[in-house]
C-alpha atoms as a PDB file:
ATOM      1  CA  UNK A   1      19.630   5.802 -19.580  1.00  0.00           C
ATOM      2  CA  UNK A   2      18.617   6.267 -22.993  1.00  0.00           C
ATOM      3  CA  UNK A   3      22.785   5.360 -23.507  1.00  0.00           C
ATOM      4  CA  UNK A   4      22.610   2.482 -22.123  1.00  0.00           C
ATOM      5  CA  UNK A   5      19.729   1.178 -24.271  1.00  0.00           C
ATOM      6  CA  UNK A   6      21.074   2.590 -27.699  1.00  0.00           C
ATOM      7  CA  UNK A   7      24.146   0.790 -27.228  1.00  0.00           C
ATOM      8  CA  UNK A   8      22.953  -2.543 -25.905  1.00  0.00           C
ATOM      9  CA  UNK A   9      23.535  -5.400 -28.497  1.00  0.00           C
ATOM     10  CA  UNK A  10      20.924  -8.059 -28.850  1.00  0.00           C
ATOM     11  CA  UNK A  11      20.252 -10.550 -26.490  1.00  0.00           C
ATOM     12  CA  UNK A  12      21.688 -14.275 -26.425  1.00  0.00           C
ATOM     13  CA  UNK A  13      24.978 -12.626 -28.342  1.00  0.00           C
ATOM     14  CA  UNK A  14      28.406 -12.970 -26.748  1.00  0.00           C
ATOM     15  CA  UNK A  15      28.600  -9.273 -27.153  1.00  0.00           C
ATOM     16  CA  UNK A  16      25.180  -8.637 -24.922  1.00  0.00           C
ATOM     17  CA  UNK A  17      27.224 -11.169 -22.326  1.00  0.00           C
ATOM     18  CA  UNK A  18      30.036  -8.690 -22.764  1.00  0.00           C
ATOM     19  CA  UNK A  19      27.847  -5.830 -22.238  1.00  0.00           C
ATOM     20  CA  UNK A  20      26.009  -6.705 -19.104  1.00  0.00           C
ATOM     21  CA  UNK A  21      28.783  -7.509 -17.750  1.00  0.00           C
ATOM     22  CA  UNK A  22      30.729  -4.382 -18.054  1.00  0.00           C
ATOM     23  CA  UNK A  23      26.868  -2.628 -17.387  1.00  0.00           C
ATOM     24  CA  UNK A  24      27.001  -4.529 -14.370  1.00  0.00           C
ATOM     25  CA  UNK A  25      30.610  -3.251 -13.099  1.00  0.00           C
ATOM     26  CA  UNK A  26      29.846   0.158 -13.331  1.00  0.00           C
ATOM     27  CA  UNK A  27      26.585  -0.239 -11.136  1.00  0.00           C
ATOM     28  CA  UNK A  28      28.636  -1.892  -8.550  1.00  0.00           C
ATOM     29  CA  UNK A  29      31.210   0.696  -8.406  1.00  0.00           C
ATOM     30  CA  UNK A  30      28.615   3.355  -8.377  1.00  0.00           C
ATOM     31  CA  UNK A  31      27.018   1.869  -5.496  1.00  0.00           C
ATOM     32  CA  UNK A  32      30.065   0.308  -3.603  1.00  0.00           C
ATOM     33  CA  UNK A  33      32.892   2.813  -4.552  1.00  0.00           C
ATOM     34  CA  UNK A  34      34.629   5.160  -2.148  1.00  0.00           C
ATOM     35  CA  UNK A  35      32.671   8.244  -3.971  1.00  0.00           C
ATOM     36  CA  UNK A  36      29.025   6.778  -2.658  1.00  0.00           C
ATOM     37  CA  UNK A  37      26.564   9.042  -1.128  1.00  0.00           C
ATOM     38  CA  UNK A  38      23.667   7.757   0.257  1.00  0.00           C
ATOM     39  CA  UNK A  39      19.734   9.105  -0.173  1.00  0.00           C
ATOM     40  CA  UNK A  40      19.442  11.873   1.980  1.00  0.00           C
ATOM     41  CA  UNK A  41      16.365  11.308   4.332  1.00  0.00           C
ATOM     42  CA  UNK A  42      14.733  12.851   6.983  1.00  0.00           C
ATOM     43  CA  UNK A  43      15.021  10.501   9.847  1.00  0.00           C
ATOM     44  CA  UNK A  44      12.624  12.650  12.170  1.00  0.00           C
ATOM     45  CA  UNK A  45       8.651  13.705  11.594  1.00  0.00           C
ATOM     46  CA  UNK A  46       6.354  12.254   9.229  1.00  0.00           C
ATOM     47  CA  UNK A  47       6.447  10.121   6.808  1.00  0.00           C
ATOM     48  CA  UNK A  48       4.002  11.871   4.472  1.00  0.00           C
ATOM     49  CA  UNK A  49       1.899  14.904   4.888  1.00  0.00           C
ATOM     50  CA  UNK A  50       2.439  17.457   7.753  1.00  0.00           C
ATOM     51  CA  UNK A  51       2.439  17.110  11.438  1.00  0.00           C
ATOM     52  CA  UNK A  52      -0.839  19.292  12.189  1.00  0.00           C
ATOM     53  CA  UNK A  53      -2.959  17.238   9.901  1.00  0.00           C
ATOM     54  CA  UNK A  54      -2.347  14.336  12.702  1.00  0.00           C
ATOM     55  CA  UNK A  55      -4.268  15.760  15.657  1.00  0.00           C
ATOM     56  CA  UNK A  56      -7.240  16.375  13.352  1.00  0.00           C
ATOM     57  CA  UNK A  57      -9.798  14.161  12.762  1.00  0.00           C
ATOM     58  CA  UNK A  58     -11.626  13.034   9.348  1.00  0.00           C
ATOM     59  CA  UNK A  59     -14.493  15.160  10.334  1.00  0.00           C
ATOM     60  CA  UNK A  60     -11.930  18.147  10.153  1.00  0.00           C
ATOM     61  CA  UNK A  61     -10.237  17.172   7.367  1.00  0.00           C
ATOM     62  CA  UNK A  62     -12.773  15.929   4.922  1.00  0.00           C
ATOM     63  CA  UNK A  63     -15.581  18.653   6.263  1.00  0.00           C
ATOM     64  CA  UNK A  64     -17.460  18.628   2.495  1.00  0.00           C
ATOM     65  CA  UNK A  65     -17.923  14.813   2.908  1.00  0.00           C
ATOM     66  CA  UNK A  66     -21.241  13.523   4.293  1.00  0.00           C
ATOM     67  CA  UNK A  67     -21.802  10.486   6.969  1.00  0.00           C
ATOM     68  CA  UNK A  68     -21.790   6.993   5.555  1.00  0.00           C
ATOM     69  CA  UNK A  69     -25.594   6.804   7.181  1.00  0.00           C
ATOM     70  CA  UNK A  70     -27.327   9.191   9.240  1.00  0.00           C
ATOM     71  CA  UNK A  71     -29.029   8.448  12.710  1.00  0.00           C
ATOM     72  CA  UNK A  72     -32.341   7.867  11.105  1.00  0.00           C
ATOM     73  CA  UNK A  73     -30.798   5.210   8.886  1.00  0.00           C
ATOM     74  CA  UNK A  74     -28.531   3.312  11.330  1.00  0.00           C
ATOM     75  CA  UNK A  75     -29.622   0.066  12.122  1.00  0.00           C
ATOM     76  CA  UNK A  76     -30.717  -0.334  15.706  1.00  0.00           C
ATOM     77  CA  UNK A  77     -30.018  -3.264  17.979  1.00  0.00           C
ATOM     78  CA  UNK A  78     -31.508  -6.110  16.862  1.00  0.00           C
ATOM     79  CA  UNK A  79     -32.719  -9.369  18.787  1.00  0.00           C
ATOM     80  CA  UNK A  80     -32.893 -12.975  17.697  1.00  0.00           C
ATOM     81  CA  UNK A  81     -36.039 -14.782  18.200  1.00  0.00           C
ATOM     82  CA  UNK A  82     -35.787 -18.244  18.862  1.00  0.00           C
ATOM     83  CA  UNK A  83     -39.194 -20.337  18.014  1.00  0.00           C
ATOM     84  CA  UNK A  84     -40.241 -22.461  21.218  1.00  0.00           C
ATOM     85  CA  UNK A  85     -41.121 -26.119  19.992  1.00  0.00           C
ATOM     86  CA  UNK A  86     -44.781 -26.861  20.596  1.00  0.00           C
ATOM     87  CA  UNK A  87     -44.912 -29.868  22.972  1.00  0.00           C
ATOM     88  CA  UNK A  88     -48.343 -31.045  21.895  1.00  0.00           C
ATOM     89  CA  UNK A  89     -47.180 -31.429  18.198  1.00  0.00           C
ATOM     90  CA  UNK A  90     -44.832 -33.650  19.181  1.00  0.00           C
ATOM     91  CA  UNK A  91     -47.083 -35.941  20.713  1.00  0.00           C
ATOM     92  CA  UNK A  92     -49.945 -36.292  18.028  1.00  0.00           C
ATOM     93  CA  UNK A  93     -46.926 -36.722  14.955  1.00  0.00           C
END
């Protein structure tokens, strides 16, 4: 990679266009040529980590972390109260 940068002519010059075409031709030959070997990817199993980690809960994976809220801190269910309008105040107004 450093070799490409050291031989690179200044941008906007005819030499740069010729150099760019040459570099592109090399890259295309490497990618689409007869000797091209695709990357060796493992097509089975998990993408990252290990299989035994998938079977554990967050509490098992992170035993040192405390719960976000303790049961005492958790908000209980709450009710929304609506005020009933007093009919007598309408009649007086």
